[in-house]
Amino acid sequence: HDFDVEFMRILADQLHRSFRRQNRISRDEGEDPSTF
């Protein structure tokens, strides 16, 4: 269980980071964050 949970947590964390990264890029380029 612990291994599987950690595996899923890492993938979920990558998903979260990808959204934050793209949101930051959109803001830097002056785009509406809702359109990223």
PDB file of all heavy atoms in Angstrom:
ATOM      1  N   HIS A   1       0.812  -1.213   0.000  1.00  0.00           N
ATOM      2  CA  HIS A   1       0.000   0.000   0.000  1.00  0.00           C
ATOM      3  C   HIS A   1       0.847   1.264   0.000  1.00  0.00           C
ATOM      4  O   HIS A   1       0.615   2.186  -0.792  1.00  0.00           O
ATOM      5  CB  HIS A   1      -0.931  -0.017   1.215  1.00  0.00           C
ATOM      6  CG  HIS A   1      -1.753   1.224   1.363  1.00  0.00           C
ATOM      7  ND1 HIS A   1      -1.361   2.274   2.172  1.00  0.00           N
ATOM      8  CD2 HIS A   1      -2.931   1.602   0.797  1.00  0.00           C
ATOM      9  CE1 HIS A   1      -2.254   3.228   2.111  1.00  0.00           C
ATOM     10  NE2 HIS A   1      -3.216   2.859   1.290  1.00  0.00           N
ATOM     11  N   ASP A   2       1.844   1.353   0.894  1.00  0.00           N
ATOM     12  CA  ASP A   2       2.629   2.570   1.019  1.00  0.00           C
ATOM     13  C   ASP A   2       3.368   2.897  -0.277  1.00  0.00           C
ATOM     14  O   ASP A   2       3.466   4.057  -0.675  1.00  0.00           O
ATOM     15  CB  ASP A   2       3.627   2.448   2.169  1.00  0.00           C
ATOM     16  CG  ASP A   2       2.945   2.463   3.529  1.00  0.00           C
ATOM     17  OD1 ASP A   2       1.743   2.792   3.565  1.00  0.00           O
ATOM     18  OD2 ASP A   2       3.596   2.144   4.528  1.00  0.00           O
ATOM     19  N   PHE A   3       3.896   1.854  -0.920  1.00  0.00           N
ATOM     20  CA  PHE A   3       4.616   2.070  -2.176  1.00  0.00           C
ATOM     21  C   PHE A   3       3.668   2.590  -3.250  1.00  0.00           C
ATOM     22  O   PHE A   3       3.983   3.534  -3.970  1.00  0.00           O
ATOM     23  CB  PHE A   3       5.279   0.773  -2.639  1.00  0.00           C
ATOM     24  CG  PHE A   3       6.066   0.913  -3.910  1.00  0.00           C
ATOM     25  CD1 PHE A   3       7.378   1.361  -3.879  1.00  0.00           C
ATOM     26  CD2 PHE A   3       5.500   0.603  -5.132  1.00  0.00           C
ATOM     27  CE1 PHE A   3       8.111   1.506  -5.056  1.00  0.00           C
ATOM     28  CE2 PHE A   3       6.220   0.739  -6.312  1.00  0.00           C
ATOM     29  CZ  PHE A   3       7.525   1.193  -6.266  1.00  0.00           C
ATOM     30  N   ASP A   4       2.508   1.969  -3.363  1.00  0.00           N
ATOM     31  CA  ASP A   4       1.535   2.387  -4.380  1.00  0.00           C
ATOM     32  C   ASP A   4       1.056   3.818  -4.120  1.00  0.00           C
ATOM     33  O   ASP A   4       0.895   4.608  -5.053  1.00  0.00           O
ATOM     34  CB  ASP A   4       0.341   1.438  -4.404  1.00  0.00           C
ATOM     35  CG  ASP A   4       0.711   0.065  -4.939  1.00  0.00           C
ATOM     36  OD1 ASP A   4       1.688  -0.009  -5.710  1.00  0.00           O
ATOM     37  OD2 ASP A   4       0.045  -0.920  -4.584  1.00  0.00           O
ATOM     38  N   VAL A   5       0.837   4.146  -2.845  1.00  0.00           N
ATOM     39  CA  VAL A   5       0.389   5.497  -2.496  1.00  0.00           C
ATOM     40  C   VAL A   5       1.458   6.516  -2.866  1.00  0.00           C
ATOM     41  O   VAL A   5       1.158   7.589  -3.415  1.00  0.00           O
ATOM     42  CB  VAL A   5       0.042   5.586  -0.995  1.00  0.00           C
ATOM     43  CG1 VAL A   5      -0.117   7.043  -0.566  1.00  0.00           C
ATOM     44  CG2 VAL A   5      -1.228   4.812  -0.698  1.00  0.00           C
ATOM     45  N   GLU A   6       2.712   6.211  -2.577  1.00  0.00           N
ATOM     46  CA  GLU A   6       3.800   7.132  -2.912  1.00  0.00           C
ATOM     47  C   GLU A   6       3.922   7.297  -4.422  1.00  0.00           C
ATOM     48  O   GLU A   6       4.148   8.403  -4.932  1.00  0.00           O
ATOM     49  CB  GLU A   6       5.120   6.621  -2.328  1.00  0.00           C
ATOM     50  CG  GLU A   6       6.330   7.480  -2.638  1.00  0.00           C
ATOM     51  CD  GLU A   6       6.265   8.868  -2.013  1.00  0.00           C
ATOM     52  OE1 GLU A   6       5.369   9.119  -1.185  1.00  0.00           O
ATOM     53  OE2 GLU A   6       7.119   9.711  -2.362  1.00  0.00           O
ATOM     54  N   PHE A   7       3.769   6.199  -5.145  1.00  0.00           N
ATOM     55  CA  PHE A   7       3.812   6.245  -6.601  1.00  0.00           C
ATOM     56  C   PHE A   7       2.745   7.204  -7.124  1.00  0.00           C
ATOM     57  O   PHE A   7       2.996   8.072  -7.966  1.00  0.00           O
ATOM     58  CB  PHE A   7       3.599   4.835  -7.154  1.00  0.00           C
ATOM     59  CG  PHE A   7       3.730   4.726  -8.648  1.00  0.00           C
ATOM     60  CD1 PHE A   7       4.947   4.408  -9.231  1.00  0.00           C
ATOM     61  CD2 PHE A   7       2.639   4.931  -9.474  1.00  0.00           C
ATOM     62  CE1 PHE A   7       5.071   4.299 -10.610  1.00  0.00           C
ATOM     63  CE2 PHE A   7       2.746   4.831 -10.851  1.00  0.00           C
ATOM     64  CZ  PHE A   7       3.967   4.511 -11.417  1.00  0.00           C
ATOM     65  N   MET A   8       1.512   7.052  -6.616  1.00  0.00           N
ATOM     66  CA  MET A   8       0.408   7.917  -7.037  1.00  0.00           C
ATOM     67  C   MET A   8       0.648   9.362  -6.600  1.00  0.00           C
ATOM     68  O   MET A   8       0.347  10.306  -7.339  1.00  0.00           O
ATOM     69  CB  MET A   8      -0.914   7.425  -6.435  1.00  0.00           C
ATOM     70  CG  MET A   8      -1.277   6.004  -6.776  1.00  0.00           C
ATOM     71  SD  MET A   8      -1.503   5.759  -8.547  1.00  0.00           S
ATOM     72  CE  MET A   8      -1.986   4.029  -8.573  1.00  0.00           C
ATOM     73  N   ARG A   9       1.193   9.538  -5.402  1.00  0.00           N
ATOM     74  CA  ARG A   9       1.423  10.892  -4.894  1.00  0.00           C
ATOM     75  C   ARG A   9       2.411  11.643  -5.784  1.00  0.00           C
ATOM     76  O   ARG A   9       2.227  12.840  -6.071  1.00  0.00           O
ATOM     77  CB  ARG A   9       1.969  10.831  -3.467  1.00  0.00           C
ATOM     78  CG  ARG A   9       2.068  12.195  -2.789  1.00  0.00           C
ATOM     79  CD  ARG A   9       2.997  12.162  -1.604  1.00  0.00           C
ATOM     80  NE  ARG A   9       4.369  11.910  -2.007  1.00  0.00           N
ATOM     81  CZ  ARG A   9       5.166  12.827  -2.575  1.00  0.00           C
ATOM     82  NH1 ARG A   9       4.718  14.050  -2.824  1.00  0.00           N
ATOM     83  NH2 ARG A   9       6.400  12.524  -2.900  1.00  0.00           N
ATOM     84  N   ILE A  10       3.457  10.952  -6.230  1.00  0.00           N
ATOM     85  CA  ILE A  10       4.453  11.593  -7.088  1.00  0.00           C
ATOM     86  C   ILE A  10       3.823  12.019  -8.411  1.00  0.00           C
ATOM     87  O   ILE A  10       4.042  13.134  -8.896  1.00  0.00           O
ATOM     88  CB  ILE A  10       5.637  10.642  -7.330  1.00  0.00           C
ATOM     89  CG1 ILE A  10       6.461  10.491  -6.046  1.00  0.00           C
ATOM     90  CG2 ILE A  10       6.527  11.162  -8.454  1.00  0.00           C
ATOM     91  CD1 ILE A  10       7.571   9.480  -6.146  1.00  0.00           C
ATOM     92  N   LEU A  11       3.017  11.137  -8.997  1.00  0.00           N
ATOM     93  CA  LEU A  11       2.373  11.480 -10.264  1.00  0.00           C
ATOM     94  C   LEU A  11       1.393  12.644 -10.090  1.00  0.00           C
ATOM     95  O   LEU A  11       1.316  13.537 -10.939  1.00  0.00           O
ATOM     96  CB  LEU A  11       1.647  10.260 -10.833  1.00  0.00           C
ATOM     97  CG  LEU A  11       2.542   9.093 -11.269  1.00  0.00           C
ATOM     98  CD1 LEU A  11       1.699   7.970 -11.850  1.00  0.00           C
ATOM     99  CD2 LEU A  11       3.585   9.542 -12.291  1.00  0.00           C
ATOM    100  N   ALA A  12       0.650  12.631  -8.969  1.00  0.00           N
ATOM    101  CA  ALA A  12      -0.280  13.727  -8.703  1.00  0.00           C
ATOM    102  C   ALA A  12       0.474  15.036  -8.490  1.00  0.00           C
ATOM    103  O   ALA A  12       0.042  16.109  -8.935  1.00  0.00           O
ATOM    104  CB  ALA A  12      -1.136  13.406  -7.488  1.00  0.00           C
ATOM    105  N   ASP A  13       1.629  14.952  -7.829  1.00  0.00           N
ATOM    106  CA  ASP A  13       2.437  16.148  -7.589  1.00  0.00           C
ATOM    107  C   ASP A  13       2.963  16.714  -8.908  1.00  0.00           C
ATOM    108  O   ASP A  13       3.024  17.932  -9.101  1.00  0.00           O
ATOM    109  CB  ASP A  13       3.607  15.802  -6.667  1.00  0.00           C
ATOM    110  CG  ASP A  13       4.464  17.017  -6.344  1.00  0.00           C
ATOM    111  OD1 ASP A  13       3.933  17.962  -5.739  1.00  0.00           O
ATOM    112  OD2 ASP A  13       5.654  17.015  -6.702  1.00  0.00           O
ATOM    113  N   GLN A  14       3.325  15.821  -9.831  1.00  0.00           N
ATOM    114  CA  GLN A  14       3.781  16.281 -11.144  1.00  0.00           C
ATOM    115  C   GLN A  14       2.657  17.012 -11.872  1.00  0.00           C
ATOM    116  O   GLN A  14       2.887  18.031 -12.538  1.00  0.00           O
ATOM    117  CB  GLN A  14       4.257  15.098 -11.974  1.00  0.00           C
ATOM    118  CG  GLN A  14       5.560  14.498 -11.469  1.00  0.00           C
ATOM    119  CD  GLN A  14       5.874  13.185 -12.143  1.00  0.00           C
ATOM    120  OE1 GLN A  14       5.054  12.653 -12.869  1.00  0.00           O
ATOM    121  NE2 GLN A  14       7.058  12.659 -11.896  1.00  0.00           N
ATOM    122  N   LEU A  15       1.453  16.472 -11.749  1.00  0.00           N
ATOM    123  CA  LEU A  15       0.298  17.112 -12.378  1.00  0.00           C
ATOM    124  C   LEU A  15       0.090  18.516 -11.806  1.00  0.00           C
ATOM    125  O   LEU A  15      -0.120  19.486 -12.540  1.00  0.00           O
ATOM    126  CB  LEU A  15      -0.948  16.252 -12.165  1.00  0.00           C
ATOM    127  CG  LEU A  15      -2.262  16.780 -12.730  1.00  0.00           C
ATOM    128  CD1 LEU A  15      -2.167  16.961 -14.233  1.00  0.00           C
ATOM    129  CD2 LEU A  15      -3.410  15.855 -12.376  1.00  0.00           C
ATOM    130  N   HIS A  16       0.168  18.623 -10.482  1.00  0.00           N
ATOM    131  CA  HIS A  16      -0.010  19.905  -9.820  1.00  0.00           C
ATOM    132  C   HIS A  16       1.060  20.902 -10.267  1.00  0.00           C
ATOM    133  O   HIS A  16       0.768  22.070 -10.571  1.00  0.00           O
ATOM    134  CB  HIS A  16       0.051  19.702  -8.313  1.00  0.00           C
ATOM    135  CG  HIS A  16      -0.058  20.964  -7.508  1.00  0.00           C
ATOM    136  ND1 HIS A  16      -1.194  21.739  -7.478  1.00  0.00           N
ATOM    137  CD2 HIS A  16       0.847  21.598  -6.712  1.00  0.00           C
ATOM    138  CE1 HIS A  16      -0.996  22.781  -6.692  1.00  0.00           C
ATOM    139  NE2 HIS A  16       0.232  22.719  -6.229  1.00  0.00           N
ATOM    140  N   ARG A  17       2.307  20.427 -10.341  1.00  0.00           N
ATOM    141  CA  ARG A  17       3.408  21.312 -10.745  1.00  0.00           C
ATOM    142  C   ARG A  17       3.254  21.772 -12.195  1.00  0.00           C
ATOM    143  O   ARG A  17       3.593  22.905 -12.535  1.00  0.00           O
ATOM    144  CB  ARG A  17       4.741  20.593 -10.567  1.00  0.00           C
ATOM    145  CG  ARG A  17       5.162  20.444  -9.110  1.00  0.00           C
ATOM    146  CD  ARG A  17       6.415  19.589  -8.992  1.00  0.00           C
ATOM    147  NE  ARG A  17       6.782  19.375  -7.614  1.00  0.00           N
ATOM    148  CZ  ARG A  17       7.578  20.176  -6.913  1.00  0.00           C
ATOM    149  NH1 ARG A  17       8.083  21.259  -7.482  1.00  0.00           N
ATOM    150  NH2 ARG A  17       7.876  19.917  -5.657  1.00  0.00           N
ATOM    151  N   SER A  18       2.767  20.859 -13.048  1.00  0.00           N
ATOM    152  CA  SER A  18       2.600  21.234 -14.452  1.00  0.00           C
ATOM    153  C   SER A  18       1.568  22.346 -14.593  1.00  0.00           C
ATOM    154  O   SER A  18       1.741  23.269 -15.393  1.00  0.00           O
ATOM    155  CB  SER A  18       2.200  20.004 -15.283  1.00  0.00           C
ATOM    156  OG  SER A  18       0.880  19.596 -14.989  1.00  0.00           O
ATOM    157  N   PHE A  19       0.489  22.277 -13.817  1.00  0.00           N
ATOM    158  CA  PHE A  19      -0.519  23.336 -13.854  1.00  0.00           C
ATOM    159  C   PHE A  19       0.058  24.656 -13.344  1.00  0.00           C
ATOM    160  O   PHE A  19      -0.164  25.718 -13.947  1.00  0.00           O
ATOM    161  CB  PHE A  19      -1.733  22.939 -13.018  1.00  0.00           C
ATOM    162  CG  PHE A  19      -2.716  22.083 -13.747  1.00  0.00           C
ATOM    163  CD1 PHE A  19      -2.716  20.714 -13.595  1.00  0.00           C
ATOM    164  CD2 PHE A  19      -3.655  22.649 -14.600  1.00  0.00           C
ATOM    165  CE1 PHE A  19      -3.621  19.913 -14.263  1.00  0.00           C
ATOM    166  CE2 PHE A  19      -4.569  21.863 -15.278  1.00  0.00           C
ATOM    167  CZ  PHE A  19      -4.560  20.491 -15.115  1.00  0.00           C
ATOM    168  N   ARG A  20       0.793  24.590 -12.251  1.00  0.00           N
ATOM    169  CA  ARG A  20       1.378  25.815 -11.706  1.00  0.00           C
ATOM    170  C   ARG A  20       2.395  26.420 -12.661  1.00  0.00           C
ATOM    171  O   ARG A  20       2.452  27.649 -12.830  1.00  0.00           O
ATOM    172  CB  ARG A  20       2.049  25.506 -10.367  1.00  0.00           C
ATOM    173  CG  ARG A  20       1.080  25.188  -9.242  1.00  0.00           C
ATOM    174  CD  ARG A  20       1.804  24.976  -7.935  1.00  0.00           C
ATOM    175  NE  ARG A  20       2.528  26.168  -7.526  1.00  0.00           N
ATOM    176  CZ  ARG A  20       3.355  26.209  -6.486  1.00  0.00           C
ATOM    177  NH1 ARG A  20       3.559  25.127  -5.764  1.00  0.00           N
ATOM    178  NH2 ARG A  20       3.976  27.309  -6.163  1.00  0.00           N
ATOM    179  N   ARG A  21       3.198  25.568 -13.309  1.00  0.00           N
ATOM    180  CA  ARG A  21       4.206  26.069 -14.244  1.00  0.00           C
ATOM    181  C   ARG A  21       3.551  26.773 -15.429  1.00  0.00           C
ATOM    182  O   ARG A  21       3.952  27.866 -15.818  1.00  0.00           O
ATOM    183  CB  ARG A  21       5.079  24.913 -14.727  1.00  0.00           C
ATOM    184  CG  ARG A  21       6.197  25.362 -15.667  1.00  0.00           C
ATOM    185  CD  ARG A  21       7.163  24.232 -15.967  1.00  0.00           C
ATOM    186  NE  ARG A  21       6.533  23.135 -16.658  1.00  0.00           N
ATOM    187  CZ  ARG A  21       6.225  21.952 -16.123  1.00  0.00           C
ATOM    188  NH1 ARG A  21       6.506  21.723 -14.850  1.00  0.00           N
ATOM    189  NH2 ARG A  21       5.653  21.004 -16.826  1.00  0.00           N
ATOM    190  N   GLN A  22       2.538  26.122 -15.990  1.00  0.00           N
ATOM    191  CA  GLN A  22       1.874  26.720 -17.150  1.00  0.00           C
ATOM    192  C   GLN A  22       1.129  28.000 -16.754  1.00  0.00           C
ATOM    193  O   GLN A  22       1.075  28.960 -17.536  1.00  0.00           O
ATOM    194  CB  GLN A  22       0.900  25.721 -17.766  1.00  0.00           C
ATOM    195  CG  GLN A  22       0.352  26.147 -19.114  1.00  0.00           C
ATOM    196  CD  GLN A  22       1.449  26.315 -20.152  1.00  0.00           C
ATOM    197  OE1 GLN A  22       2.388  25.526 -20.181  1.00  0.00           O
ATOM    198  NE2 GLN A  22       1.341  27.347 -20.969  1.00  0.00           N
ATOM    199  N   ASN A  23       0.566  28.013 -15.559  1.00  0.00           N
ATOM    200  CA  ASN A  23      -0.117  29.213 -15.066  1.00  0.00           C
ATOM    201  C   ASN A  23       0.874  30.374 -14.953  1.00  0.00           C
ATOM    202  O   ASN A  23       0.577  31.511 -15.327  1.00  0.00           O
ATOM    203  CB  ASN A  23      -0.752  28.915 -13.712  1.00  0.00           C
ATOM    204  CG  ASN A  23      -1.735  30.002 -13.286  1.00  0.00           C
ATOM    205  OD1 ASN A  23      -2.092  30.865 -14.079  1.00  0.00           O
ATOM    206  ND2 ASN A  23      -2.166  29.954 -12.046  1.00  0.00           N
ATOM    207  N   ARG A  24       2.086  30.078 -14.456  1.00  0.00           N
ATOM    208  CA  ARG A  24       3.106  31.116 -14.301  1.00  0.00           C
ATOM    209  C   ARG A  24       3.552  31.641 -15.671  1.00  0.00           C
ATOM    210  O   ARG A  24       3.742  32.845 -15.861  1.00  0.00           O
ATOM    211  CB  ARG A  24       4.304  30.547 -13.536  1.00  0.00           C
ATOM    212  CG  ARG A  24       5.350  31.585 -13.173  1.00  0.00           C
ATOM    213  CD  ARG A  24       6.325  31.052 -12.139  1.00  0.00           C
ATOM    214  NE  ARG A  24       6.942  29.808 -12.561  1.00  0.00           N
ATOM    215  CZ  ARG A  24       6.673  28.618 -12.009  1.00  0.00           C
ATOM    216  NH1 ARG A  24       5.797  28.519 -11.025  1.00  0.00           N
ATOM    217  NH2 ARG A  24       7.287  27.523 -12.427  1.00  0.00           N
ATOM    218  N   ILE A  25       3.718  30.717 -16.639  1.00  0.00           N
ATOM    219  CA  ILE A  25       4.107  31.130 -17.986  1.00  0.00           C
ATOM    220  C   ILE A  25       3.049  32.038 -18.590  1.00  0.00           C
ATOM    221  O   ILE A  25       3.345  33.053 -19.221  1.00  0.00           O
ATOM    222  CB  ILE A  25       4.338  29.890 -18.882  1.00  0.00           C
ATOM    223  CG1 ILE A  25       5.576  29.110 -18.401  1.00  0.00           C
ATOM    224  CG2 ILE A  25       4.498  30.287 -20.343  1.00  0.00           C
ATOM    225  CD1 ILE A  25       5.772  27.798 -19.094  1.00  0.00           C
ATOM    226  N   SER A  26       1.777  31.656 -18.401  1.00  0.00           N
ATOM    227  CA  SER A  26       0.682  32.444 -18.952  1.00  0.00           C
ATOM    228  C   SER A  26       0.664  33.848 -18.354  1.00  0.00           C
ATOM    229  O   SER A  26       0.436  34.842 -19.052  1.00  0.00           O
ATOM    230  CB  SER A  26      -0.648  31.743 -18.696  1.00  0.00           C
ATOM    231  OG  SER A  26      -0.691  30.483 -19.338  1.00  0.00           O
ATOM    232  N   ARG A  27       0.911  33.947 -17.050  1.00  0.00           N
ATOM    233  CA  ARG A  27       0.920  35.256 -16.400  1.00  0.00           C
ATOM    234  C   ARG A  27       2.079  36.114 -16.927  1.00  0.00           C
ATOM    235  O   ARG A  27       1.926  37.310 -17.179  1.00  0.00           O
ATOM    236  CB  ARG A  27       1.046  35.090 -14.884  1.00  0.00           C
ATOM    237  CG  ARG A  27      -0.218  34.566 -14.218  1.00  0.00           C
ATOM    238  CD  ARG A  27      -0.001  34.429 -12.715  1.00  0.00           C
ATOM    239  NE  ARG A  27      -1.162  33.872 -12.051  1.00  0.00           N
ATOM    240  CZ  ARG A  27      -2.220  34.584 -11.673  1.00  0.00           C
ATOM    241  NH1 ARG A  27      -2.257  35.885 -11.919  1.00  0.00           N
ATOM    242  NH2 ARG A  27      -3.234  33.997 -11.067  1.00  0.00           N
ATOM    243  N   ASP A  28       3.266  35.479 -17.085  1.00  0.00           N
ATOM    244  CA  ASP A  28       4.428  36.220 -17.575  1.00  0.00           C
ATOM    245  C   ASP A  28       4.197  36.753 -18.979  1.00  0.00           C
ATOM    246  O   ASP A  28       4.736  37.793 -19.362  1.00  0.00           O
ATOM    247  CB  ASP A  28       5.672  35.322 -17.561  1.00  0.00           C
ATOM    248  CG  ASP A  28       6.111  34.980 -16.142  1.00  0.00           C
ATOM    249  OD1 ASP A  28       5.676  35.687 -15.211  1.00  0.00           O
ATOM    250  OD2 ASP A  28       6.871  34.011 -15.974  1.00  0.00           O
ATOM    251  N   GLU A  29       3.425  36.016 -19.773  1.00  0.00           N
ATOM    252  CA  GLU A  29       3.159  36.436 -21.146  1.00  0.00           C
ATOM    253  C   GLU A  29       1.945  37.351 -21.243  1.00  0.00           C
ATOM    254  O   GLU A  29       1.512  37.703 -22.349  1.00  0.00           O
ATOM    255  CB  GLU A  29       2.957  35.200 -22.029  1.00  0.00           C
ATOM    256  CG  GLU A  29       4.232  34.357 -22.170  1.00  0.00           C
ATOM    257  CD  GLU A  29       4.006  33.114 -23.006  1.00  0.00           C
ATOM    258  OE1 GLU A  29       2.833  32.836 -23.335  1.00  0.00           O
ATOM    259  OE2 GLU A  29       4.996  32.429 -23.325  1.00  0.00           O
ATOM    260  N   GLY A  30       1.363  37.696 -20.084  1.00  0.00           N
ATOM    261  CA  GLY A  30       0.252  38.623 -20.076  1.00  0.00           C
ATOM    262  C   GLY A  30      -1.061  38.023 -20.490  1.00  0.00           C
ATOM    263  O   GLY A  30      -2.009  38.750 -20.828  1.00  0.00           O
ATOM    264  N   GLU A  31      -1.169  36.692 -20.445  1.00  0.00           N
ATOM    265  CA  GLU A  31      -2.412  36.040 -20.835  1.00  0.00           C
ATOM    266  C   GLU A  31      -3.333  35.906 -19.631  1.00  0.00           C
ATOM    267  O   GLU A  31      -2.903  35.944 -18.479  1.00  0.00           O
ATOM    268  CB  GLU A  31      -2.121  34.651 -21.416  1.00  0.00           C
ATOM    269  CG  GLU A  31      -1.290  34.679 -22.692  1.00  0.00           C
ATOM    270  CD  GLU A  31      -1.002  33.280 -23.184  1.00  0.00           C
ATOM    271  OE1 GLU A  31      -1.573  32.319 -22.622  1.00  0.00           O
ATOM    272  OE2 GLU A  31      -0.200  33.129 -24.129  1.00  0.00           O
ATOM    273  N   ASP A  32      -4.591  35.731 -19.913  1.00  0.00           N
ATOM    274  CA  ASP A  32      -5.574  35.459 -18.873  1.00  0.00           C
ATOM    275  C   ASP A  32      -5.290  34.076 -18.309  1.00  0.00           C
ATOM    276  O   ASP A  32      -5.273  33.100 -19.047  1.00  0.00           O
ATOM    277  CB  ASP A  32      -6.984  35.499 -19.476  1.00  0.00           C
ATOM    278  CG  ASP A  32      -8.061  35.289 -18.412  1.00  0.00           C
ATOM    279  OD1 ASP A  32      -7.701  34.952 -17.261  1.00  0.00           O
ATOM    280  OD2 ASP A  32      -9.240  35.460 -18.748  1.00  0.00           O
ATOM    281  N   PRO A  33      -5.022  33.932 -16.986  1.00  0.00           N
ATOM    282  CA  PRO A  33      -4.722  32.628 -16.411  1.00  0.00           C
ATOM    283  C   PRO A  33      -5.779  31.578 -16.695  1.00  0.00           C
ATOM    284  O   PRO A  33      -5.494  30.388 -16.722  1.00  0.00           O
ATOM    285  CB  PRO A  33      -4.617  32.915 -14.905  1.00  0.00           C
ATOM    286  CG  PRO A  33      -4.293  34.361 -14.816  1.00  0.00           C
ATOM    287  CD  PRO A  33      -4.997  35.002 -15.985  1.00  0.00           C
ATOM    288  N   SER A  34      -7.011  32.026 -16.907  1.00  0.00           N
ATOM    289  CA  SER A  34      -8.069  31.041 -17.147  1.00  0.00           C
ATOM    290  C   SER A  34      -7.956  30.391 -18.516  1.00  0.00           C
ATOM    291  O   SER A  34      -8.659  29.438 -18.817  1.00  0.00           O
ATOM    292  CB  SER A  34      -9.436  31.710 -17.021  1.00  0.00           C
ATOM    293  OG  SER A  34      -9.605  32.719 -18.014  1.00  0.00           O
ATOM    294  N   THR A  35      -7.037  30.914 -19.376  1.00  0.00           N
ATOM    295  CA  THR A  35      -6.911  30.369 -20.729  1.00  0.00           C
ATOM    296  C   THR A  35      -5.628  29.571 -20.912  1.00  0.00           C
ATOM    297  O   THR A  35      -5.171  29.377 -22.030  1.00  0.00           O
ATOM    298  CB  THR A  35      -6.944  31.514 -21.754  1.00  0.00           C
ATOM    299  OG1 THR A  35      -5.789  32.347 -21.552  1.00  0.00           O
ATOM    300  CG2 THR A  35      -8.203  32.348 -21.627  1.00  0.00           C
ATOM    301  N   PHE A  36      -5.018  29.123 -19.815  1.00  0.00           N
ATOM    302  CA  PHE A  36      -3.732  28.461 -19.952  1.00  0.00           C
ATOM    303  C   PHE A  36      -3.848  26.979 -20.302  1.00  0.00           C
ATOM    304  O   PHE A  36      -2.860  26.271 -20.362  1.00  0.00           O
ATOM    305  CB  PHE A  36      -2.884  28.630 -18.680  1.00  0.00           C
ATOM    306  CG  PHE A  36      -3.301  27.759 -17.531  1.00  0.00           C
ATOM    307  CD1 PHE A  36      -2.771  26.493 -17.376  1.00  0.00           C
ATOM    308  CD2 PHE A  36      -4.210  28.228 -16.596  1.00  0.00           C
ATOM    309  CE1 PHE A  36      -3.141  25.700 -16.292  1.00  0.00           C
ATOM    310  CE2 PHE A  36      -4.587  27.433 -15.533  1.00  0.00           C
ATOM    311  CZ  PHE A  36      -4.054  26.168 -15.372  1.00  0.00           C
TER     312      PHE A  36
END
